[in-house]
PDB file of N, CA and C in Angstrom:
ATOM      1  N   MET A   1      31.490  46.525  75.879  1.00  0.00           N
ATOM      2  CA  MET A   1      30.302  46.068  76.566  1.00  0.00           C
ATOM      3  C   MET A   1      29.115  46.225  75.625  1.00  0.00           C
ATOM      4  N   GLU A   2      28.293  45.196  75.566  1.00  0.00           N
ATOM      5  CA  GLU A   2      27.121  45.224  74.709  1.00  0.00           C
ATOM      6  C   GLU A   2      25.995  45.998  75.386  1.00  0.00           C
ATOM      7  N   ALA A   3      25.042  46.436  74.586  1.00  0.00           N
ATOM      8  CA  ALA A   3      23.899  47.184  75.101  1.00  0.00           C
ATOM      9  C   ALA A   3      23.034  46.280  75.980  1.00  0.00           C
ATOM     10  N   HIS A   4      22.551  46.856  77.059  1.00  0.00           N
ATOM     11  CA  HIS A   4      21.681  46.149  78.001  1.00  0.00           C
ATOM     12  C   HIS A   4      20.331  46.864  77.989  1.00  0.00           C
ATOM     13  N   VAL A   5      19.233  46.087  77.911  1.00  0.00           N
ATOM     14  CA  VAL A   5      17.906  46.698  77.825  1.00  0.00           C
ATOM     15  C   VAL A   5      16.968  46.052  78.841  1.00  0.00           C
ATOM     16  N   VAL A   6      16.253  46.910  79.575  1.00  0.00           N
ATOM     17  CA  VAL A   6      15.154  46.480  80.433  1.00  0.00           C
ATOM     18  C   VAL A   6      13.924  47.224  79.937  1.00  0.00           C
ATOM     19  N   ASN A   7      12.899  46.485  79.579  1.00  0.00           N
ATOM     20  CA  ASN A   7      11.674  47.093  79.063  1.00  0.00           C
ATOM     21  C   ASN A   7      10.488  46.615  79.908  1.00  0.00           C
ATOM     22  N   ILE A   8       9.784  47.561  80.514  1.00  0.00           N
ATOM     23  CA  ILE A   8       8.614  47.234  81.328  1.00  0.00           C
ATOM     24  C   ILE A   8       7.380  47.785  80.621  1.00  0.00           C
ATOM     25  N   ASP A   9       6.430  46.906  80.325  1.00  0.00           N
ATOM     26  CA  ASP A   9       5.191  47.292  79.651  1.00  0.00           C
ATOM     27  C   ASP A   9       4.029  47.267  80.640  1.00  0.00           C
ATOM     28  N   ASN A  10       3.476  48.427  80.936  1.00  0.00           N
ATOM     29  CA  ASN A  10       2.261  48.555  81.739  1.00  0.00           C
ATOM     30  C   ASN A  10       2.352  47.850  83.102  1.00  0.00           C
ATOM     31  N   ARG A  11       3.568  47.745  83.640  1.00  0.00           N
ATOM     32  CA  ARG A  11       3.816  47.091  84.936  1.00  0.00           C
ATOM     33  C   ARG A  11       3.312  45.654  84.984  1.00  0.00           C
ATOM     34  N   GLU A  12       3.129  45.030  83.816  1.00  0.00           N
ATOM     35  CA  GLU A  12       2.637  43.653  83.737  1.00  0.00           C
ATOM     36  C   GLU A  12       3.599  42.719  83.014  1.00  0.00           C
ATOM     37  N   ARG A  13       4.588  43.284  82.368  1.00  0.00           N
ATOM     38  CA  ARG A  13       5.486  42.485  81.531  1.00  0.00           C
ATOM     39  C   ARG A  13       6.845  43.163  81.524  1.00  0.00           C
ATOM     40  N   ILE A  14       7.895  42.397  81.809  1.00  0.00           N
ATOM     41  CA  ILE A  14       9.249  42.944  81.792  1.00  0.00           C
ATOM     42  C   ILE A  14      10.141  42.032  80.958  1.00  0.00           C
ATOM     43  N   SER A  15      10.891  42.629  80.058  1.00  0.00           N
ATOM     44  CA  SER A  15      11.863  41.871  79.273  1.00  0.00           C
ATOM     45  C   SER A  15      13.247  42.441  79.572  1.00  0.00           C
ATOM     46  N   VAL A  16      14.223  41.554  79.678  1.00  0.00           N
ATOM     47  CA  VAL A  16      15.581  41.941  80.040  1.00  0.00           C
ATOM     48  C   VAL A  16      16.552  41.237  79.107  1.00  0.00           C
ATOM     49  N   THR A  17      17.594  41.965  78.681  1.00  0.00           N
ATOM     50  CA  THR A  17      18.651  41.360  77.877  1.00  0.00           C
ATOM     51  C   THR A  17      19.942  41.300  78.694  1.00  0.00           C
ATOM     52  N   GLU A  18      20.910  40.587  78.176  1.00  0.00           N
ATOM     53  CA  GLU A  18      22.211  40.383  78.833  1.00  0.00           C
ATOM     54  C   GLU A  18      22.077  39.564  80.125  1.00  0.00           C
ATOM     55  N   VAL A  19      21.096  38.652  80.169  1.00  0.00           N
ATOM     56  CA  VAL A  19      20.885  37.787  81.330  1.00  0.00           C
ATOM     57  C   VAL A  19      21.840  36.594  81.244  1.00  0.00           C
ATOM     58  N   ALA A  20      22.598  36.368  82.324  1.00  0.00           N
ATOM     59  CA  ALA A  20      23.519  35.240  82.368  1.00  0.00           C
ATOM     60  C   ALA A  20      22.927  34.045  83.109  1.00  0.00           C
ATOM     61  N   ASP A  21      22.049  34.316  84.110  1.00  0.00           N
ATOM     62  CA  ASP A  21      21.493  33.224  84.915  1.00  0.00           C
ATOM     63  C   ASP A  21      20.296  33.729  85.708  1.00  0.00           C
ATOM     64  N   VAL A  22      19.444  32.805  86.114  1.00  0.00           N
ATOM     65  CA  VAL A  22      18.370  33.086  87.064  1.00  0.00           C
ATOM     66  C   VAL A  22      18.794  32.413  88.360  1.00  0.00           C
ATOM     67  N   GLU A  23      19.147  33.223  89.371  1.00  0.00           N
ATOM     68  CA  GLU A  23      19.635  32.671  90.639  1.00  0.00           C
ATOM     69  C   GLU A  23      18.529  31.987  91.420  1.00  0.00           C
ATOM     70  N   SER A  24      17.381  32.656  91.527  1.00  0.00           N
ATOM     71  CA  SER A  24      16.241  32.075  92.227  1.00  0.00           C
ATOM     72  C   SER A  24      14.994  32.858  91.841  1.00  0.00           C
ATOM     73  N   PHE A  25      13.845  32.220  92.068  1.00  0.00           N
ATOM     74  CA  PHE A  25      12.595  32.892  91.734  1.00  0.00           C
ATOM     75  C   PHE A  25      11.437  32.258  92.472  1.00  0.00           C
ATOM     76  N   ASN A  26      10.421  33.077  92.705  1.00  0.00           N
ATOM     77  CA  ASN A  26       9.122  32.615  93.168  1.00  0.00           C
ATOM     78  C   ASN A  26       8.098  33.621  92.655  1.00  0.00           C
ATOM     79  N   GLU A  27       6.882  33.581  93.138  1.00  0.00           N
ATOM     80  CA  GLU A  27       5.832  34.450  92.612  1.00  0.00           C
ATOM     81  C   GLU A  27       5.971  35.906  93.042  1.00  0.00           C
ATOM     82  N   GLU A  28       6.903  36.182  93.989  1.00  0.00           N
ATOM     83  CA  GLU A  28       7.052  37.548  94.496  1.00  0.00           C
ATOM     84  C   GLU A  28       8.394  38.189  94.205  1.00  0.00           C
ATOM     85  N   ILE A  29       9.415  37.391  93.892  1.00  0.00           N
ATOM     86  CA  ILE A  29      10.751  37.957  93.674  1.00  0.00           C
ATOM     87  C   ILE A  29      11.557  37.063  92.729  1.00  0.00           C
ATOM     88  N   ILE A  30      12.292  37.703  91.837  1.00  0.00           N
ATOM     89  CA  ILE A  30      13.158  36.983  90.899  1.00  0.00           C
ATOM     90  C   ILE A  30      14.532  37.640  90.939  1.00  0.00           C
ATOM     91  N   PHE A  31      15.570  36.831  91.169  1.00  0.00           N
ATOM     92  CA  PHE A  31      16.947  37.306  91.186  1.00  0.00           C
ATOM     93  C   PHE A  31      17.627  36.889  89.888  1.00  0.00           C
ATOM     94  N   LEU A  32      18.064  37.878  89.099  1.00  0.00           N
ATOM     95  CA  LEU A  32      18.757  37.612  87.849  1.00  0.00           C
ATOM     96  C   LEU A  32      20.220  37.989  87.965  1.00  0.00           C
ATOM     97  N   THR A  33      21.090  37.200  87.354  1.00  0.00           N
ATOM     98  CA  THR A  33      22.487  37.565  87.194  1.00  0.00           C
ATOM     99  C   THR A  33      22.642  38.082  85.773  1.00  0.00           C
ATOM    100  N   LEU A  34      23.108  39.316  85.670  1.00  0.00           N
ATOM    101  CA  LEU A  34      23.362  39.913  84.374  1.00  0.00           C
ATOM    102  C   LEU A  34      24.844  39.793  84.063  1.00  0.00           C
ATOM    103  N   LYS A  35      25.220  40.077  82.854  1.00  0.00           N
ATOM    104  CA  LYS A  35      26.631  39.981  82.489  1.00  0.00           C
ATOM    105  C   LYS A  35      27.472  41.013  83.226  1.00  0.00           C
ATOM    106  N   ASN A  36      26.830  42.067  83.753  1.00  0.00           N
ATOM    107  CA  ASN A  36      27.569  43.102  84.467  1.00  0.00           C
ATOM    108  C   ASN A  36      26.865  43.488  85.768  1.00  0.00           C
ATOM    109  N   GLY A  37      26.512  42.513  86.604  1.00  0.00           N
ATOM    110  CA  GLY A  37      25.850  42.788  87.871  1.00  0.00           C
ATOM    111  C   GLY A  37      24.635  41.910  88.067  1.00  0.00           C
ATOM    112  N   GLY A  38      23.633  42.448  88.748  1.00  0.00           N
ATOM    113  CA  GLY A  38      22.428  41.682  89.009  1.00  0.00           C
ATOM    114  C   GLY A  38      21.196  42.553  88.926  1.00  0.00           C
ATOM    115  N   LEU A  39      20.034  41.911  88.928  1.00  0.00           N
ATOM    116  CA  LEU A  39      18.761  42.615  88.878  1.00  0.00           C
ATOM    117  C   LEU A  39      17.764  41.843  89.729  1.00  0.00           C
ATOM    118  N   VAL A  40      17.086  42.554  90.627  1.00  0.00           N
ATOM    119  CA  VAL A  40      16.066  41.958  91.487  1.00  0.00           C
ATOM    120  C   VAL A  40      14.720  42.520  91.061  1.00  0.00           C
ATOM    121  N   ILE A  41      13.811  41.633  90.682  1.00  0.00           N
ATOM    122  CA  ILE A  41      12.476  42.028  90.245  1.00  0.00           C
ATOM    123  C   ILE A  41      11.484  41.570  91.301  1.00  0.00           C
ATOM    124  N   ARG A  42      10.662  42.518  91.775  1.00  0.00           N
ATOM    125  CA  ARG A  42       9.661  42.216  92.799  1.00  0.00           C
ATOM    126  C   ARG A  42       8.268  42.489  92.254  1.00  0.00           C
ATOM    127  N   GLY A  43       7.299  41.714  92.763  1.00  0.00           N
ATOM    128  CA  GLY A  43       5.924  41.913  92.347  1.00  0.00           C
ATOM    129  C   GLY A  43       5.029  40.818  92.891  1.00  0.00           C
ATOM    130  N   GLU A  44       3.909  40.598  92.220  1.00  0.00           N
ATOM    131  CA  GLU A  44       2.952  39.562  92.605  1.00  0.00           C
ATOM    132  C   GLU A  44       2.636  38.711  91.388  1.00  0.00           C
ATOM    133  N   ASP A  45       2.408  37.441  91.629  1.00  0.00           N
ATOM    134  CA  ASP A  45       2.071  36.487  90.568  1.00  0.00           C
ATOM    135  C   ASP A  45       3.089  36.501  89.426  1.00  0.00           C
ATOM    136  N   LEU A  46       4.367  36.649  89.763  1.00  0.00           N
ATOM    137  CA  LEU A  46       5.424  36.672  88.744  1.00  0.00           C
ATOM    138  C   LEU A  46       5.670  35.271  88.213  1.00  0.00           C
ATOM    139  N   HIS A  47       5.846  35.170  86.920  1.00  0.00           N
ATOM    140  CA  HIS A  47       6.277  33.901  86.339  1.00  0.00           C
ATOM    141  C   HIS A  47       7.099  34.179  85.085  1.00  0.00           C
ATOM    142  N   ILE A  48       8.037  33.285  84.854  1.00  0.00           N
ATOM    143  CA  ILE A  48       8.934  33.421  83.714  1.00  0.00           C
ATOM    144  C   ILE A  48       8.243  32.825  82.500  1.00  0.00           C
ATOM    145  N   GLN A  49       7.915  33.681  81.549  1.00  0.00           N
ATOM    146  CA  GLN A  49       7.232  33.256  80.334  1.00  0.00           C
ATOM    147  C   GLN A  49       8.217  32.643  79.337  1.00  0.00           C
ATOM    148  N   LYS A  50       9.365  33.326  79.151  1.00  0.00           N
ATOM    149  CA  LYS A  50      10.393  32.841  78.223  1.00  0.00           C
ATOM    150  C   LYS A  50      11.766  33.082  78.834  1.00  0.00           C
ATOM    151  N   LEU A  51      12.662  32.124  78.633  1.00  0.00           N
ATOM    152  CA  LEU A  51      14.043  32.257  79.089  1.00  0.00           C
ATOM    153  C   LEU A  51      14.945  31.635  78.044  1.00  0.00           C
ATOM    154  N   ASP A  52      15.900  32.409  77.560  1.00  0.00           N
ATOM    155  CA  ASP A  52      16.881  31.929  76.596  1.00  0.00           C
ATOM    156  C   ASP A  52      18.246  32.431  77.041  1.00  0.00           C
ATOM    157  N   LEU A  53      18.977  31.591  77.778  1.00  0.00           N
ATOM    158  CA  LEU A  53      20.275  31.993  78.296  1.00  0.00           C
ATOM    159  C   LEU A  53      21.326  32.085  77.203  1.00  0.00           C
ATOM    160  N   GLU A  54      21.160  31.347  76.122  1.00  0.00           N
ATOM    161  CA  GLU A  54      22.100  31.467  75.011  1.00  0.00           C
ATOM    162  C   GLU A  54      22.024  32.859  74.392  1.00  0.00           C
ATOM    163  N   GLU A  55      20.812  33.378  74.256  1.00  0.00           N
ATOM    164  CA  GLU A  55      20.610  34.728  73.728  1.00  0.00           C
ATOM    165  C   GLU A  55      20.693  35.786  74.830  1.00  0.00           C
ATOM    166  N   GLY A  56      20.608  35.348  76.103  1.00  0.00           N
ATOM    167  CA  GLY A  56      20.665  36.269  77.224  1.00  0.00           C
ATOM    168  C   GLY A  56      19.388  37.069  77.406  1.00  0.00           C
ATOM    169  N   ARG A  57      18.236  36.450  77.144  1.00  0.00           N
ATOM    170  CA  ARG A  57      16.952  37.155  77.210  1.00  0.00           C
ATOM    171  C   ARG A  57      15.975  36.445  78.140  1.00  0.00           C
ATOM    172  N   ILE A  58      15.157  37.269  78.821  1.00  0.00           N
ATOM    173  CA  ILE A  58      14.104  36.726  79.671  1.00  0.00           C
ATOM    174  C   ILE A  58      12.855  37.593  79.531  1.00  0.00           C
ATOM    175  N   LEU A  59      11.701  36.962  79.630  1.00  0.00           N
ATOM    176  CA  LEU A  59      10.415  37.658  79.634  1.00  0.00           C
ATOM    177  C   LEU A  59       9.653  37.190  80.860  1.00  0.00           C
ATOM    178  N   ILE A  60       9.257  38.141  81.692  1.00  0.00           N
ATOM    179  CA  ILE A  60       8.564  37.846  82.943  1.00  0.00           C
ATOM    180  C   ILE A  60       7.207  38.546  82.919  1.00  0.00           C
ATOM    181  N   LEU A  61       6.153  37.814  83.307  1.00  0.00           N
ATOM    182  CA  LEU A  61       4.808  38.365  83.381  1.00  0.00           C
ATOM    183  C   LEU A  61       4.343  38.388  84.830  1.00  0.00           C
ATOM    184  N   GLY A  62       3.475  39.337  85.168  1.00  0.00           N
ATOM    185  CA  GLY A  62       2.926  39.455  86.512  1.00  0.00           C
ATOM    186  C   GLY A  62       2.729  40.915  86.867  1.00  0.00           C
ATOM    187  N   ALA A  63       2.367  41.184  88.099  1.00  0.00           N
ATOM    188  CA  ALA A  63       2.201  42.551  88.585  1.00  0.00           C
ATOM    189  C   ALA A  63       3.548  43.032  89.115  1.00  0.00           C
ATOM    190  N   ILE A  64       4.278  43.773  88.318  1.00  0.00           N
ATOM    191  CA  ILE A  64       5.645  44.186  88.652  1.00  0.00           C
ATOM    192  C   ILE A  64       5.612  45.443  89.506  1.00  0.00           C
ATOM    193  N   SER A  65       6.270  45.383  90.673  1.00  0.00           N
ATOM    194  CA  SER A  65       6.305  46.552  91.550  1.00  0.00           C
ATOM    195  C   SER A  65       7.663  47.241  91.548  1.00  0.00           C
ATOM    196  N   SER A  66       8.757  46.497  91.272  1.00  0.00           N
ATOM    197  CA  SER A  66      10.063  47.146  91.212  1.00  0.00           C
ATOM    198  C   SER A  66      11.082  46.282  90.476  1.00  0.00           C
ATOM    199  N   ALA A  67      12.102  46.954  89.969  1.00  0.00           N
ATOM    200  CA  ALA A  67      13.259  46.300  89.355  1.00  0.00           C
ATOM    201  C   ALA A  67      14.478  47.091  89.816  1.00  0.00           C
ATOM    202  N   VAL A  68      15.345  46.438  90.586  1.00  0.00           N
ATOM    203  CA  VAL A  68      16.477  47.123  91.209  1.00  0.00           C
ATOM    204  C   VAL A  68      17.777  46.426  90.829  1.00  0.00           C
ATOM    205  N   TYR A  69      18.749  47.225  90.373  1.00  0.00           N
ATOM    206  CA  TYR A  69      20.070  46.679  90.066  1.00  0.00           C
ATOM    207  C   TYR A  69      20.846  46.414  91.346  1.00  0.00           C
ATOM    208  N   THR A  70      21.676  45.388  91.307  1.00  0.00           N
ATOM    209  CA  THR A  70      22.561  45.077  92.422  1.00  0.00           C
ATOM    210  C   THR A  70      24.002  45.093  91.911  1.00  0.00           C
ATOM    211  N   GLU A  71      24.928  45.208  92.831  1.00  0.00           N
ATOM    212  CA  GLU A  71      26.343  45.214  92.484  1.00  0.00           C
ATOM    213  C   GLU A  71      26.784  43.835  92.030  1.00  0.00           C
ATOM    214  N   LYS A  72      27.801  43.811  91.203  1.00  0.00           N
ATOM    215  CA  LYS A  72      28.399  42.539  90.807  1.00  0.00           C
ATOM    216  C   LYS A  72      29.118  41.977  92.019  1.00  0.00           C
ATOM    217  N   ARG A  73      28.859  40.715  92.328  1.00  0.00           N
ATOM    218  CA  ARG A  73      29.413  40.089  93.529  1.00  0.00           C
ATOM    219  C   ARG A  73      30.679  39.324  93.214  1.00  0.00           C
ATOM    220  N   ASP A  74      31.517  39.211  94.230  1.00  0.00           N
ATOM    221  CA  ASP A  74      32.677  38.345  94.170  1.00  0.00           C
ATOM    222  C   ASP A  74      32.179  36.907  94.222  1.00  0.00           C
ATOM    223  N   LYS A  75      32.733  36.040  93.419  1.00  0.00           N
ATOM    224  CA  LYS A  75      32.262  34.652  93.378  1.00  0.00           C
ATOM    225  C   LYS A  75      32.446  33.940  94.708  1.00  0.00           C
ATOM    226  N   GLN A  76      33.330  34.429  95.571  1.00  0.00           N
ATOM    227  CA  GLN A  76      33.537  33.793  96.872  1.00  0.00           C
ATOM    228  C   GLN A  76      32.417  34.141  97.846  1.00  0.00           C
ATOM    229  N   GLU A  77      31.731  35.245  97.609  1.00  0.00           N
ATOM    230  CA  GLU A  77      30.658  35.656  98.501  1.00  0.00           C
ATOM    231  C   GLU A  77      29.460  34.751  98.279  1.00  0.00           C
ATOM    232  N   LYS A  78      28.960  34.173  99.367  1.00  0.00           N
ATOM    233  CA  LYS A  78      27.855  33.231  99.252  1.00  0.00           C
ATOM    234  C   LYS A  78      26.787  33.568 100.262  1.00  0.00           C
ATOM    235  N   GLY A  79      25.636  32.970 100.101  1.00  0.00           N
ATOM    236  CA  GLY A  79      24.568  33.134 101.062  1.00  0.00           C
ATOM    237  C   GLY A  79      23.511  34.102 100.590  1.00  0.00           C
ATOM    238  N   PHE A  80      22.327  33.591 100.430  1.00  0.00           N
ATOM    239  CA  PHE A  80      21.200  34.369  99.944  1.00  0.00           C
ATOM    240  C   PHE A  80      20.921  35.577 100.838  1.00  0.00           C
ATOM    241  N   LEU A  81      20.805  35.370 102.143  1.00  0.00           N
ATOM    242  CA  LEU A  81      20.506  36.467 103.052  1.00  0.00           C
ATOM    243  C   LEU A  81      21.636  37.475 103.112  1.00  0.00           C
ATOM    244  N   LYS A  82      22.857  37.023 103.035  1.00  0.00           N
ATOM    245  CA  LYS A  82      24.004  37.928 103.069  1.00  0.00           C
ATOM    246  C   LYS A  82      23.950  38.883 101.885  1.00  0.00           C
ATOM    247  N   ARG A  83      23.540  38.389 100.715  1.00  0.00           N
ATOM    248  CA  ARG A  83      23.461  39.231  99.522  1.00  0.00           C
ATOM    249  C   ARG A  83      22.356  40.265  99.667  1.00  0.00           C
ATOM    250  N   ILE A  84      21.229  39.869 100.226  1.00  0.00           N
ATOM    251  CA  ILE A  84      20.091  40.780 100.345  1.00  0.00           C
ATOM    252  C   ILE A  84      20.364  41.858 101.391  1.00  0.00           C
ATOM    253  N   LEU A  85      20.935  41.466 102.512  1.00  0.00           N
ATOM    254  CA  LEU A  85      21.129  42.384 103.633  1.00  0.00           C
ATOM    255  C   LEU A  85      22.393  43.222 103.505  1.00  0.00           C
ATOM    256  N   LYS A  86      23.126  43.032 102.480  1.00  0.00           N
ATOM    257  CA  LYS A  86      24.377  43.748 102.259  1.00  0.00           C
ATOM    258  C   LYS A  86      24.162  45.227 102.124  1.00  0.00           C
TER     259      LYS A  86
END
C-alpha cells in the first residue's frame, strides 16, 4: 500500500493524495473515494482548486470544518442517503 497524505493548512486549504474519484460535491460537502476507503470533507464555500485523478491528488479551498474517513463500501451498495446514514 502506498503512503496516503491529508494536509490541512490553516483550515482554509486541504490537499489529499491517493484519490480515486470525486463522488459528489457542493459548497458544503465533498465526498472523495480513496484507493482504500473514502473521505468526507465538510465546510463552507468549498471548491476544488486542482484535481488530478491520474496522480491521485486533489486540492480543495474554503473554510474547512471537518475531514472524516469512511469505510470502503461494497460496489453493490448504492444510494447516497444509505451511505451517509449507515
